[in-house]
Amino acid sequence: MTIDIVAVFGSFLGTSNELGDLDVAVKSHYRDKGFDSHNYAHRSDRIFNCYLDLLYWPERELRLFLKARRRAIQLQDWPSFLRLAAENRHHFDYKVVFGSQEEVDAEIKADLELSDSISAA
C-alpha cells in the first residue's frame, strides 16, 4: 500500500489547550496494479476468521501500523472524510500534512457536487 494523502482534522486544529484525540484521514492505494492481496495475506502467516478478513488484510495492516496501538489516534477512511468535509464545508477545518491540498479541495468539491446532484434527483 502507498499513502497518497494524510489530513488531520477535529479538536487537534482547535484553539483548546486540551486535545481529545487526533483525527486522521488517510488516502492510499495499492502500489502495483496486479497486486494479489490473497497471496500477500497468506505470506503474513496470520490466521483469518473469514475470507473478507484475508482479502482486506493489506488495508487493515496499514491502519494498524498508522494507529500504532494509540487510543488517541482515530483513523477515518477517505470517503467518510470527504463526505464529512462536504457536508460541513462552512465550519470544517482540516490540514493536509502529506500530499496535495489542491487534490483534497478538488475531491471535496466533487463529493459535494455529487451529493447535490443526488439530492436534486
N, C-alpha and C. Protein backbone atom coordinates (compact mmCIF):
# COMPACT_ATOMS: atom_id res chain seq x y z
N MET A 1 0.84 -1.17 0.00
CA MET A 1 0.00 0.00 0.00
C MET A 1 0.89 1.24 0.00
N THR A 2 0.43 2.24 -0.72
CA THR A 2 1.12 3.52 -0.78
C THR A 2 0.19 4.60 -0.28
N ILE A 3 0.68 5.47 0.57
CA ILE A 3 -0.12 6.57 1.10
C ILE A 3 0.00 7.75 0.15
N ASP A 4 -1.17 8.29 -0.25
CA ASP A 4 -1.21 9.45 -1.14
C ASP A 4 -1.37 10.75 -0.35
N ILE A 5 -2.31 10.74 0.60
CA ILE A 5 -2.66 11.95 1.33
C ILE A 5 -2.93 11.61 2.79
N VAL A 6 -2.48 12.49 3.68
CA VAL A 6 -2.82 12.41 5.09
C VAL A 6 -3.34 13.78 5.50
N ALA A 7 -4.54 13.80 6.09
CA ALA A 7 -5.14 15.04 6.56
C ALA A 7 -5.54 14.88 8.02
N VAL A 8 -5.34 15.93 8.81
CA VAL A 8 -5.78 15.93 10.21
C VAL A 8 -6.93 16.91 10.33
N PHE A 9 -7.84 16.61 11.27
CA PHE A 9 -8.99 17.48 11.47
C PHE A 9 -9.50 17.28 12.89
N GLY A 10 -10.52 18.03 13.26
CA GLY A 10 -11.11 17.88 14.58
C GLY A 10 -10.43 18.72 15.63
N SER A 11 -10.48 18.26 16.88
CA SER A 11 -10.00 19.05 18.01
C SER A 11 -8.51 19.37 17.93
N PHE A 12 -7.77 18.60 17.18
CA PHE A 12 -6.33 18.84 17.02
C PHE A 12 -6.06 20.23 16.45
N LEU A 13 -6.97 20.70 15.59
CA LEU A 13 -6.79 22.00 14.96
C LEU A 13 -7.47 23.13 15.72
N GLY A 14 -8.16 22.81 16.79
CA GLY A 14 -8.89 23.82 17.56
C GLY A 14 -7.97 24.67 18.41
N THR A 15 -8.60 25.61 19.08
CA THR A 15 -7.84 26.53 19.93
C THR A 15 -7.75 26.06 21.37
N SER A 16 -8.45 25.00 21.70
CA SER A 16 -8.44 24.49 23.07
C SER A 16 -7.07 23.91 23.43
N ASN A 17 -6.70 24.06 24.68
CA ASN A 17 -5.43 23.50 25.15
C ASN A 17 -5.53 22.01 25.40
N GLU A 18 -6.76 21.50 25.45
CA GLU A 18 -6.96 20.09 25.74
C GLU A 18 -7.25 19.32 24.45
N LEU A 19 -6.42 18.35 24.18
CA LEU A 19 -6.58 17.53 22.97
C LEU A 19 -7.34 16.27 23.32
N GLY A 20 -8.51 16.09 22.68
CA GLY A 20 -9.29 14.89 22.93
C GLY A 20 -8.70 13.69 22.20
N ASP A 21 -8.58 13.81 20.91
CA ASP A 21 -7.98 12.76 20.12
C ASP A 21 -7.44 13.37 18.84
N LEU A 22 -6.71 12.59 18.10
CA LEU A 22 -6.13 13.03 16.84
C LEU A 22 -6.89 12.34 15.73
N ASP A 23 -7.70 13.11 15.00
CA ASP A 23 -8.48 12.58 13.89
C ASP A 23 -7.64 12.67 12.62
N VAL A 24 -7.45 11.53 11.97
CA VAL A 24 -6.59 11.46 10.79
C VAL A 24 -7.34 10.74 9.67
N ALA A 25 -7.31 11.33 8.48
CA ALA A 25 -7.87 10.68 7.29
C ALA A 25 -6.70 10.34 6.37
N VAL A 26 -6.72 9.13 5.84
CA VAL A 26 -5.62 8.66 5.01
C VAL A 26 -6.18 8.13 3.69
N LYS A 27 -5.62 8.62 2.59
CA LYS A 27 -5.96 8.10 1.27
C LYS A 27 -4.78 7.26 0.81
N SER A 28 -5.06 6.03 0.41
CA SER A 28 -3.99 5.13 -0.02
C SER A 28 -4.44 4.32 -1.22
N HIS A 29 -3.49 3.67 -1.84
CA HIS A 29 -3.81 2.79 -2.96
C HIS A 29 -2.77 1.67 -3.01
N TYR A 30 -3.11 0.62 -3.76
CA TYR A 30 -2.16 -0.47 -3.95
C TYR A 30 -1.04 0.01 -4.85
N ARG A 31 0.17 -0.33 -4.48
CA ARG A 31 1.35 0.10 -5.22
C ARG A 31 1.36 -0.47 -6.64
N ASP A 32 1.01 -1.74 -6.77
CA ASP A 32 1.03 -2.41 -8.07
C ASP A 32 -0.39 -2.66 -8.54
N LYS A 33 -0.62 -2.49 -9.85
CA LYS A 33 -1.96 -2.73 -10.42
C LYS A 33 -2.38 -4.18 -10.24
N GLY A 34 -1.48 -5.11 -10.39
CA GLY A 34 -1.81 -6.53 -10.30
C GLY A 34 -1.59 -7.11 -8.92
N PHE A 35 -1.68 -6.27 -7.89
CA PHE A 35 -1.43 -6.73 -6.52
C PHE A 35 -2.41 -7.82 -6.13
N ASP A 36 -1.90 -8.89 -5.55
CA ASP A 36 -2.71 -10.02 -5.13
C ASP A 36 -2.78 -10.04 -3.60
N SER A 37 -3.85 -9.48 -3.04
CA SER A 37 -3.96 -9.39 -1.59
C SER A 37 -4.11 -10.78 -0.95
N HIS A 38 -4.64 -11.72 -1.69
CA HIS A 38 -4.81 -13.08 -1.19
C HIS A 38 -3.45 -13.71 -0.89
N ASN A 39 -2.53 -13.66 -1.83
CA ASN A 39 -1.19 -14.22 -1.62
C ASN A 39 -0.42 -13.44 -0.55
N TYR A 40 -0.59 -12.11 -0.55
CA TYR A 40 0.08 -11.29 0.45
C TYR A 40 -0.36 -11.69 1.86
N ALA A 41 -1.66 -11.89 2.02
CA ALA A 41 -2.19 -12.27 3.33
C ALA A 41 -1.67 -13.64 3.76
N HIS A 42 -1.61 -14.58 2.83
CA HIS A 42 -1.09 -15.91 3.17
C HIS A 42 0.38 -15.85 3.58
N ARG A 43 1.15 -14.99 2.96
CA ARG A 43 2.56 -14.86 3.30
C ARG A 43 2.76 -14.23 4.68
N SER A 44 1.74 -13.57 5.20
CA SER A 44 1.87 -12.92 6.51
C SER A 44 1.80 -13.91 7.67
N ASP A 45 1.44 -15.16 7.37
CA ASP A 45 1.33 -16.21 8.39
C ASP A 45 0.33 -15.88 9.50
N ARG A 46 -0.70 -15.14 9.15
CA ARG A 46 -1.76 -14.83 10.10
C ARG A 46 -2.93 -15.78 9.90
N ILE A 47 -3.72 -15.92 10.93
CA ILE A 47 -4.94 -16.73 10.84
C ILE A 47 -6.11 -15.76 10.72
N PHE A 48 -6.95 -15.96 9.72
CA PHE A 48 -8.07 -15.07 9.47
C PHE A 48 -9.38 -15.78 9.79
N ASN A 49 -10.32 -15.03 10.37
CA ASN A 49 -11.61 -15.59 10.75
C ASN A 49 -12.49 -15.88 9.55
N CYS A 50 -12.36 -15.07 8.52
CA CYS A 50 -13.19 -15.27 7.33
C CYS A 50 -12.42 -14.79 6.11
N TYR A 51 -12.97 -15.08 4.95
CA TYR A 51 -12.32 -14.73 3.69
C TYR A 51 -12.16 -13.22 3.53
N LEU A 52 -13.15 -12.45 3.99
CA LEU A 52 -13.06 -10.99 3.87
C LEU A 52 -11.91 -10.43 4.70
N ASP A 53 -11.68 -11.00 5.87
CA ASP A 53 -10.53 -10.57 6.68
C ASP A 53 -9.23 -10.79 5.92
N LEU A 54 -9.13 -11.90 5.25
CA LEU A 54 -7.95 -12.22 4.46
C LEU A 54 -7.83 -11.26 3.28
N LEU A 55 -8.94 -11.01 2.61
CA LEU A 55 -8.95 -10.17 1.42
C LEU A 55 -8.55 -8.72 1.73
N TYR A 56 -9.00 -8.22 2.88
CA TYR A 56 -8.72 -6.82 3.24
C TYR A 56 -7.55 -6.67 4.20
N TRP A 57 -6.73 -7.69 4.34
CA TRP A 57 -5.59 -7.63 5.23
C TRP A 57 -4.63 -6.49 4.91
N PRO A 58 -4.27 -6.21 3.66
CA PRO A 58 -3.32 -5.12 3.41
C PRO A 58 -3.81 -3.77 3.97
N GLU A 59 -5.11 -3.46 3.78
CA GLU A 59 -5.65 -2.21 4.30
C GLU A 59 -5.63 -2.21 5.83
N ARG A 60 -6.00 -3.33 6.42
CA ARG A 60 -6.02 -3.42 7.89
C ARG A 60 -4.61 -3.30 8.46
N GLU A 61 -3.66 -3.93 7.80
CA GLU A 61 -2.27 -3.87 8.26
C GLU A 61 -1.77 -2.42 8.24
N LEU A 62 -2.12 -1.68 7.20
CA LEU A 62 -1.72 -0.27 7.11
C LEU A 62 -2.35 0.53 8.25
N ARG A 63 -3.64 0.31 8.51
CA ARG A 63 -4.32 1.02 9.59
C ARG A 63 -3.69 0.69 10.95
N LEU A 64 -3.38 -0.57 11.18
CA LEU A 64 -2.75 -0.97 12.44
C LEU A 64 -1.38 -0.30 12.60
N PHE A 65 -0.64 -0.23 11.51
CA PHE A 65 0.68 0.40 11.56
C PHE A 65 0.55 1.89 11.87
N LEU A 66 -0.39 2.57 11.20
CA LEU A 66 -0.55 4.01 11.40
C LEU A 66 -1.08 4.33 12.80
N LYS A 67 -1.96 3.51 13.30
CA LYS A 67 -2.54 3.75 14.61
C LYS A 67 -1.54 3.46 15.74
N ALA A 68 -0.66 2.53 15.51
CA ALA A 68 0.43 2.21 16.45
C ALA A 68 -0.07 1.97 17.87
N ARG A 69 -1.23 1.33 18.00
CA ARG A 69 -1.82 0.99 19.29
C ARG A 69 -2.07 2.21 20.18
N ARG A 70 -2.28 3.35 19.57
CA ARG A 70 -2.57 4.57 20.33
C ARG A 70 -4.07 4.82 20.33
N ARG A 71 -4.67 4.85 21.51
CA ARG A 71 -6.11 5.09 21.60
C ARG A 71 -6.48 6.49 21.15
N ALA A 72 -5.56 7.43 21.26
CA ALA A 72 -5.86 8.82 20.93
C ALA A 72 -5.91 9.07 19.42
N ILE A 73 -5.43 8.14 18.62
CA ILE A 73 -5.44 8.31 17.16
C ILE A 73 -6.69 7.65 16.60
N GLN A 74 -7.50 8.45 15.92
CA GLN A 74 -8.73 7.96 15.28
C GLN A 74 -8.55 8.05 13.77
N LEU A 75 -8.50 6.91 13.10
CA LEU A 75 -8.34 6.89 11.65
C LEU A 75 -9.71 6.89 10.98
N GLN A 76 -9.86 7.77 10.03
CA GLN A 76 -11.10 7.89 9.28
C GLN A 76 -10.83 7.45 7.85
N ASP A 77 -11.73 6.66 7.29
CA ASP A 77 -11.50 6.26 5.90
C ASP A 77 -11.74 7.47 5.00
N TRP A 78 -11.11 7.47 3.85
CA TRP A 78 -11.07 8.64 2.98
C TRP A 78 -12.46 9.07 2.48
N PRO A 79 -13.30 8.17 1.99
CA PRO A 79 -14.64 8.61 1.54
C PRO A 79 -15.46 9.24 2.67
N SER A 80 -15.34 8.74 3.88
CA SER A 80 -16.06 9.33 5.02
C SER A 80 -15.54 10.73 5.32
N PHE A 81 -14.24 10.92 5.25
CA PHE A 81 -13.65 12.24 5.45
C PHE A 81 -14.17 13.22 4.40
N LEU A 82 -14.19 12.80 3.13
CA LEU A 82 -14.68 13.69 2.07
C LEU A 82 -16.14 14.06 2.29
N ARG A 83 -16.95 13.09 2.66
CA ARG A 83 -18.37 13.34 2.91
C ARG A 83 -18.54 14.29 4.10
N LEU A 84 -17.79 14.08 5.16
CA LEU A 84 -17.85 14.94 6.33
C LEU A 84 -17.44 16.37 5.98
N ALA A 85 -16.38 16.50 5.20
CA ALA A 85 -15.91 17.83 4.79
C ALA A 85 -16.92 18.52 3.89
N ALA A 86 -17.54 17.78 2.97
CA ALA A 86 -18.52 18.37 2.06
C ALA A 86 -19.79 18.78 2.79
N GLU A 87 -20.26 17.94 3.70
CA GLU A 87 -21.50 18.25 4.43
C GLU A 87 -21.34 19.40 5.41
N ASN A 88 -20.13 19.61 5.92
CA ASN A 88 -19.88 20.68 6.90
C ASN A 88 -18.90 21.71 6.36
N ARG A 89 -19.00 22.00 5.09
CA ARG A 89 -17.98 22.80 4.40
C ARG A 89 -17.77 24.20 4.97
N HIS A 90 -18.78 24.77 5.64
CA HIS A 90 -18.64 26.13 6.15
C HIS A 90 -17.95 26.19 7.50
N HIS A 91 -17.89 25.07 8.21
CA HIS A 91 -17.25 25.08 9.52
C HIS A 91 -16.46 23.78 9.77
N PHE A 92 -15.78 23.32 8.76
CA PHE A 92 -14.97 22.11 8.88
C PHE A 92 -13.52 22.46 8.59
N ASP A 93 -12.69 22.40 9.62
CA ASP A 93 -11.27 22.71 9.46
C ASP A 93 -10.47 21.43 9.34
N TYR A 94 -9.55 21.44 8.41
CA TYR A 94 -8.63 20.31 8.25
C TYR A 94 -7.32 20.84 7.71
N LYS A 95 -6.29 20.05 7.86
CA LYS A 95 -4.97 20.43 7.35
C LYS A 95 -4.34 19.22 6.69
N VAL A 96 -3.88 19.39 5.48
CA VAL A 96 -3.19 18.32 4.77
C VAL A 96 -1.73 18.34 5.23
N VAL A 97 -1.29 17.25 5.84
CA VAL A 97 0.08 17.17 6.33
C VAL A 97 0.99 16.37 5.40
N PHE A 98 0.36 15.64 4.47
CA PHE A 98 1.13 14.90 3.47
C PHE A 98 0.27 14.82 2.22
N GLY A 99 0.82 15.23 1.09
CA GLY A 99 0.07 15.18 -0.15
C GLY A 99 -0.32 16.57 -0.62
N SER A 100 -1.28 16.63 -1.52
CA SER A 100 -1.66 17.86 -2.19
C SER A 100 -2.95 18.46 -1.65
N GLN A 101 -2.86 19.69 -1.14
CA GLN A 101 -4.04 20.42 -0.67
C GLN A 101 -5.03 20.63 -1.82
N GLU A 102 -4.51 20.93 -3.01
CA GLU A 102 -5.38 21.16 -4.17
C GLU A 102 -6.17 19.91 -4.54
N GLU A 103 -5.53 18.75 -4.44
CA GLU A 103 -6.22 17.50 -4.75
C GLU A 103 -7.34 17.23 -3.75
N VAL A 104 -7.09 17.50 -2.48
CA VAL A 104 -8.12 17.31 -1.46
C VAL A 104 -9.29 18.26 -1.71
N ASP A 105 -8.99 19.54 -1.97
CA ASP A 105 -10.04 20.51 -2.25
C ASP A 105 -10.89 20.09 -3.45
N ALA A 106 -10.23 19.58 -4.49
CA ALA A 106 -10.95 19.12 -5.68
C ALA A 106 -11.83 17.91 -5.37
N GLU A 107 -11.34 16.99 -4.56
CA GLU A 107 -12.13 15.81 -4.21
C GLU A 107 -13.33 16.18 -3.34
N ILE A 108 -13.15 17.13 -2.43
CA ILE A 108 -14.27 17.58 -1.59
C ILE A 108 -15.32 18.26 -2.47
N LYS A 109 -14.86 19.09 -3.40
CA LYS A 109 -15.79 19.77 -4.31
C LYS A 109 -16.56 18.75 -5.16
N ALA A 110 -15.87 17.73 -5.66
CA ALA A 110 -16.53 16.69 -6.46
C ALA A 110 -17.54 15.92 -5.62
N ASP A 111 -17.19 15.62 -4.37
CA ASP A 111 -18.11 14.91 -3.48
C ASP A 111 -19.34 15.76 -3.19
N LEU A 112 -19.13 17.06 -3.01
CA LEU A 112 -20.23 17.99 -2.77
C LEU A 112 -21.16 18.06 -3.98
N GLU A 113 -20.59 18.16 -5.17
CA GLU A 113 -21.39 18.20 -6.39
C GLU A 113 -22.17 16.91 -6.59
N LEU A 114 -21.55 15.79 -6.27
CA LEU A 114 -22.24 14.52 -6.38
C LEU A 114 -23.41 14.42 -5.42
N SER A 115 -23.20 14.82 -4.17
CA SER A 115 -24.28 14.75 -3.19
C SER A 115 -25.40 15.74 -3.54
N ASP A 116 -25.05 16.91 -4.10
CA ASP A 116 -26.06 17.87 -4.54
C ASP A 116 -26.89 17.31 -5.69
N SER A 117 -26.22 16.63 -6.63
CA SER A 117 -26.95 16.08 -7.78
C SER A 117 -27.85 14.92 -7.36
N ILE A 118 -27.43 14.15 -6.36
CA ILE A 118 -28.24 13.04 -5.87
C ILE A 118 -29.47 13.58 -5.13
N SER A 119 -29.26 14.61 -4.31
CA SER A 119 -30.38 15.16 -3.54
C SER A 119 -31.37 15.91 -4.44
N ALA A 120 -30.89 16.42 -5.57
CA ALA A 120 -31.77 17.13 -6.50
C ALA A 120 -32.62 16.16 -7.32
N ALA A 121 -32.18 14.93 -7.44
CA ALA A 121 -32.90 13.93 -8.27
C ALA A 121 -34.10 13.36 -7.57
